[in-house]
Every structure is written in structure tokens, then in C-alpha cells.
Amino acid sequence: MVFALVNKGPNTPKPPSPTGLPTNLPSSPATLPPSQSPRPTSPPTNPPSAQPSPGPGGGGGKTVQTSFGTIFVPDGFSDQGSNSQGNCTTDTLSGPNNGLLIYGSCQLPSGTTQSAFDNVVLAGDQQALDPNAKLCEPIKTGATLTGTSGTIPADGVPICLDVTPQSGPAFHAIDFYFTAVAHASDGSTVGLTVNLFAPADQYNTFVKALPDGVFSQTVFNASP
């Protein structure tokens, strides 16, 4: 799998935006050769709680139409626009506390399972940002995303990693993905993501300030 690494500002990089998924999904996380891998520091020994708990409905925003659905843009966030590469399209929002909110949809091979898609997300962070990236805690089941035909079962994938920007010191980060395998209107298989990324020491503040519109008003063009 190929991921693009783009810096937001001089010190805080943007988490990976998927640019392609393999025809045969990996059964184990991919890694880069040492010469190409970022140089990590030690993961945080006591990372913040990785389970997002968005704010209790406070805060406004607006909805924006994208090629893969309607997304919610909270007040105070800057929409960097959609980016389509390979079989994936993402829309990145930069927010306070050096946080990023990224919505995405990828075409997947038919028959892709939820656990396989979760592994792809982890492997992408290991390949693009930190070969030692790992789950902060077990993957959470029982979450949901919203599609045009109702709710879609989703997992929560909490990833702890160390990020080395193109300039500036390395830092600990939390990269939390809500992931769901769903179906587009033509019956094809798609992978949906709502991605919350922030430096570890600012992550909880970033997530707690998110209005519930991030989930209640975001509707993907997909069904279970």
C-alpha cells in the first residue's frame, strides 16, 4: 500500500492519506526498509485515552458535499479540500490543538473483511509514519458511521506512534481511525474512515472539543 505524507506547518505532519490499496490485503503490517523508514523515538508509556469521546453536542459547523458523501466541518476548522489518488478519496480538515480530522472512502476488493481493513490502516501508519506504530489498546467494536441507507457497523482503531516531521523534533501522536466496510450504490465494496489525529499531549483536548455533528451530520454515500 502506498501512502502520502504531507506536512501541515513546519512541525506537525499530516497523517497518511491512502493513495492505493493492494489487490491482496496484507495479513501482517507492512514495513519499509531501514533506509526508508522514519526514525522513531519511544512510544508514550502512558498514552492519553485513545477512545474518542466527542463533545456533548456543543459547537457549530456546516456540512459540505464531497464525492463520497456529506461531511461536517466544525467551526474553527480549515477545509484543505478533497484529494483523490489511486482508489481513495479523502478530505482533510485542520483544527485547533494541531489536530486533523480526515474523512475518507476507498474502493476495496470484493470480500474485504472489517479486520482486514483495520490491518490495512495500521500497516499504512507503519509504512508512512512510524514502523513501530502499534495499537494503543485493543480495537473497539460496536461503533457506527452513517450511510445513506442507515447506520454502518464500524471499528475504532487507536494507533500510538512517533512522528518525525521533515523539520522539527519527533513527537508522540495518537491516530484514531473509525473504520467501516460498506457497499456503494453499484454494489462495490468501499472502506470508510473518520480519522482523528493529534500530538499525544493535545489529543484529548482536541477530541473533547469536537461537536457531535462530526458523526451525526456526516453521511457517506454507502450502505451496510
Protein backbone atom coordinates (compact mmCIF):
# COMPACT_ATOMS: atom_id res chain seq x y z
CA MET A 1 0.00 0.00 0.00
CA VAL A 2 1.18 3.49 -0.83
CA PHE A 3 0.53 6.44 1.49
CA ALA A 4 1.36 10.09 1.00
CA LEU A 5 2.98 12.05 3.84
CA VAL A 6 2.34 15.78 3.69
CA ASN A 7 3.42 18.26 6.37
CA LYS A 8 0.97 20.74 7.88
CA GLY A 9 3.16 23.60 9.01
CA PRO A 10 6.81 23.22 9.98
CA ASN A 11 6.44 20.77 12.85
CA THR A 12 3.14 18.90 12.70
CA PRO A 13 2.77 16.43 9.82
CA LYS A 14 -0.47 15.34 8.30
CA PRO A 15 -1.38 11.71 8.94
CA PRO A 16 -1.27 9.48 5.88
CA SER A 17 -3.88 9.80 3.20
CA PRO A 18 -4.31 6.46 1.43
CA THR A 19 -3.42 6.61 -2.24
CA GLY A 20 -3.93 2.97 -3.02
CA LEU A 21 -4.81 -0.36 -1.52
CA PRO A 22 -3.34 -3.70 -2.55
CA THR A 23 -5.36 -6.18 -4.54
CA ASN A 24 -4.48 -8.76 -1.91
CA LEU A 25 -4.77 -7.18 1.51
CA PRO A 26 -1.81 -7.86 3.81
CA SER A 27 -2.19 -10.37 6.61
CA SER A 28 0.54 -8.63 8.60
CA PRO A 29 1.63 -4.98 8.84
CA ALA A 30 3.95 -3.77 6.12
CA THR A 31 7.26 -2.11 6.94
CA LEU A 32 9.74 -0.10 4.93
CA PRO A 33 13.43 -0.96 4.59
CA PRO A 34 15.51 0.77 7.30
CA SER A 35 16.89 3.27 4.80
CA GLN A 36 13.36 4.49 4.00
CA SER A 37 11.75 4.29 7.42
CA PRO A 38 11.23 7.33 9.65
CA ARG A 39 13.41 7.39 12.76
CA PRO A 40 11.07 6.91 15.71
CA THR A 41 11.55 7.65 19.35
CA SER A 42 9.99 5.53 22.09
CA PRO A 43 6.18 5.29 22.13
CA PRO A 44 4.48 7.04 25.06
CA THR A 45 4.41 4.77 28.10
CA ASN A 46 1.09 6.22 29.27
CA PRO A 47 -0.74 7.48 26.18
CA PRO A 48 -3.90 9.53 26.62
CA SER A 49 -7.16 7.66 26.38
CA ALA A 50 -7.39 6.74 22.72
CA GLN A 51 -11.13 6.15 22.68
CA PRO A 52 -12.60 9.36 21.25
CA SER A 53 -15.50 10.85 23.12
CA PRO A 54 -16.61 13.88 21.11
CA GLY A 55 -18.10 16.81 22.95
CA PRO A 56 -21.70 16.79 24.13
CA GLY A 57 -23.17 18.40 21.04
CA GLY A 58 -21.66 21.84 21.57
CA GLY A 59 -20.12 23.85 18.78
CA GLY A 60 -21.42 24.66 15.36
CA GLY A 61 -20.29 24.00 11.87
CA LYS A 62 -21.51 23.34 8.37
CA THR A 63 -21.96 20.42 6.02
CA VAL A 64 -20.02 20.13 2.77
CA GLN A 65 -20.74 17.84 -0.16
CA THR A 66 -17.91 15.60 -1.37
CA SER A 67 -17.73 12.86 -3.97
CA PHE A 68 -18.14 10.24 -1.24
CA GLY A 69 -20.84 11.87 0.89
CA THR A 70 -21.75 14.79 3.12
CA ILE A 71 -19.15 15.73 5.72
CA PHE A 72 -19.39 18.02 8.73
CA VAL A 73 -16.86 20.86 9.06
CA PRO A 74 -16.76 22.16 12.65
CA ASP A 75 -16.36 25.88 13.30
CA GLY A 76 -12.69 26.78 13.61
CA PHE A 77 -11.55 24.08 11.18
CA SER A 78 -9.95 24.81 7.83
CA ASP A 79 -11.02 22.53 4.99
CA GLN A 80 -7.95 21.67 2.91
CA GLY A 81 -10.19 20.11 0.27
CA SER A 82 -10.58 16.71 -1.29
CA ASN A 83 -7.67 14.67 -2.54
CA SER A 84 -8.25 11.73 -4.90
CA GLN A 85 -5.35 9.40 -5.58
CA GLY A 86 -5.47 5.81 -6.69
CA ASN A 87 -8.64 4.20 -5.34
CA CYS A 88 -9.09 6.54 -2.36
CA THR A 89 -10.54 9.98 -1.79
CA THR A 90 -10.02 11.96 1.40
CA ASP A 91 -11.00 15.37 2.71
CA THR A 92 -8.70 16.86 5.35
CA LEU A 93 -9.68 19.46 7.95
CA SER A 94 -7.05 21.14 10.10
CA GLY A 95 -8.23 22.24 13.52
CA PRO A 96 -7.12 23.53 16.91
CA ASN A 97 -4.52 21.81 19.11
CA ASN A 98 -2.59 20.79 15.97
CA GLY A 99 -5.34 18.29 15.27
CA LEU A 100 -6.56 16.92 11.97
CA LEU A 101 -9.95 15.48 11.08
CA ILE A 102 -9.89 13.41 7.90
CA TYR A 103 -12.87 11.80 6.20
CA GLY A 104 -12.20 9.18 3.55
CA SER A 105 -13.52 6.48 1.27
CA CYS A 106 -11.54 3.82 -0.61
CA GLN A 107 -12.54 1.21 -3.16
CA LEU A 108 -11.75 -2.23 -1.71
CA PRO A 109 -11.50 -5.69 -3.25
CA SER A 110 -14.76 -7.58 -3.05
CA GLY A 111 -14.96 -9.67 0.09
CA THR A 112 -12.66 -7.48 2.18
CA THR A 113 -13.40 -8.07 5.86
CA GLN A 114 -13.56 -5.46 8.60
CA SER A 115 -10.49 -6.90 10.34
CA ALA A 116 -8.53 -6.86 7.09
CA PHE A 117 -9.34 -3.19 6.56
CA ASP A 118 -8.31 -2.43 10.15
CA ASN A 119 -4.97 -4.11 9.45
CA VAL A 120 -4.52 -2.02 6.30
CA VAL A 121 -4.98 1.19 8.30
CA LEU A 122 -2.38 0.14 10.89
CA ALA A 123 0.01 -1.01 8.18
CA GLY A 124 -0.34 2.35 6.46
CA ASP A 125 0.80 4.24 9.56
CA GLN A 126 3.69 1.81 10.00
CA GLN A 127 4.77 2.34 6.41
CA ALA A 128 4.31 6.09 6.15
CA LEU A 129 4.96 7.45 9.64
CA ASP A 130 6.49 5.01 12.12
CA PRO A 131 7.44 1.35 11.57
CA ASN A 132 6.90 0.81 15.30
CA ALA A 133 3.38 2.24 15.31
CA LYS A 134 1.10 -0.02 17.31
CA LEU A 135 -2.37 -0.24 18.76
CA CYS A 136 -2.63 1.85 21.93
CA GLU A 137 -5.27 -0.58 23.15
CA PRO A 138 -7.42 -3.29 21.53
CA ILE A 139 -9.56 -2.38 18.56
CA LYS A 140 -13.01 -1.23 19.64
CA THR A 141 -16.10 -2.79 18.08
CA GLY A 142 -19.66 -1.54 18.25
CA ALA A 143 -19.15 1.92 16.76
CA THR A 144 -21.21 3.13 13.81
CA LEU A 145 -20.89 5.52 10.89
CA THR A 146 -23.88 6.85 8.97
CA GLY A 147 -24.65 5.91 5.38
CA THR A 148 -27.43 6.92 3.02
CA SER A 149 -29.33 3.77 3.97
CA GLY A 150 -28.76 3.95 7.72
CA THR A 151 -26.06 3.09 10.21
CA ILE A 152 -22.98 1.10 9.21
CA PRO A 153 -21.10 -1.01 11.81
CA ALA A 154 -17.63 0.37 12.45
CA ASP A 155 -14.50 -0.32 14.47
CA GLY A 156 -12.33 2.11 16.41
CA VAL A 157 -8.63 1.62 15.65
CA PRO A 158 -6.44 3.55 18.17
CA ILE A 159 -2.84 3.86 16.97
CA CYS A 160 0.07 5.21 19.03
CA LEU A 161 3.10 6.32 17.07
CA ASP A 162 6.10 8.61 16.93
CA VAL A 163 6.23 11.07 14.08
CA THR A 164 9.38 12.65 12.68
CA PRO A 165 8.49 15.77 10.63
CA GLN A 166 10.54 16.93 7.68
CA SER A 167 11.66 19.70 10.02
CA GLY A 168 11.38 19.88 13.79
CA PRO A 169 11.67 17.30 16.56
CA ALA A 170 9.92 13.95 16.68
CA PHE A 171 6.79 13.78 18.79
CA HIS A 172 4.32 11.22 20.13
CA ALA A 173 0.91 11.17 18.42
CA ILE A 174 -2.44 9.43 18.55
CA ASP A 175 -4.02 8.47 15.24
CA PHE A 176 -7.55 7.16 15.80
CA TYR A 177 -9.50 5.71 12.89
CA PHE A 178 -13.16 4.86 12.80
CA THR A 179 -13.27 2.26 10.02
CA ALA A 180 -16.19 0.59 8.26
CA VAL A 181 -16.50 -1.78 5.31
CA ALA A 182 -19.63 -0.95 3.34
CA HIS A 183 -21.12 -1.02 -0.15
CA ALA A 184 -21.52 1.72 -2.72
CA SER A 185 -24.73 2.13 -4.74
CA ASP A 186 -23.28 -0.01 -7.54
CA GLY A 187 -22.64 -2.87 -5.10
CA SER A 188 -18.87 -2.43 -4.96
CA THR A 189 -17.04 -2.69 -1.64
CA VAL A 190 -15.77 0.51 -0.02
CA GLY A 191 -13.78 1.28 3.11
CA LEU A 192 -14.94 4.34 5.06
CA THR A 193 -12.83 6.25 7.58
CA VAL A 194 -13.18 9.10 10.04
CA ASN A 195 -9.65 9.81 11.22
CA LEU A 196 -8.71 11.87 14.31
CA PHE A 197 -5.03 12.79 14.60
CA ALA A 198 -3.20 14.99 17.11
CA PRO A 199 0.02 15.10 19.14
CA ALA A 200 -0.45 12.85 22.16
CA ASP A 201 -0.27 15.70 24.67
CA GLN A 202 -3.04 17.60 22.85
CA TYR A 203 -5.16 14.68 21.68
CA ASN A 204 -7.73 14.54 24.47
CA THR A 205 -8.31 18.30 24.32
CA PHE A 206 -8.71 18.12 20.55
CA VAL A 207 -11.19 15.24 20.65
CA LYS A 208 -13.29 16.55 23.55
CA ALA A 209 -13.88 19.81 21.67
CA LEU A 210 -15.31 18.05 18.60
CA PRO A 211 -19.05 18.65 18.18
CA ASP A 212 -21.25 15.61 17.71
CA GLY A 213 -22.03 16.81 14.19
CA VAL A 214 -18.79 15.11 13.13
CA PHE A 215 -20.74 11.86 13.38
CA SER A 216 -24.42 12.82 13.41
CA GLN A 217 -24.23 15.04 10.31
CA THR A 218 -21.64 13.14 8.27
CA VAL A 219 -23.39 10.80 5.82
CA PHE A 220 -21.38 8.56 3.48
CA ASN A 221 -22.70 7.51 0.07
CA ALA A 222 -22.76 3.88 1.16
CA SER A 223 -24.86 1.25 2.88
CA PRO A 224 -24.06 -1.72 5.13
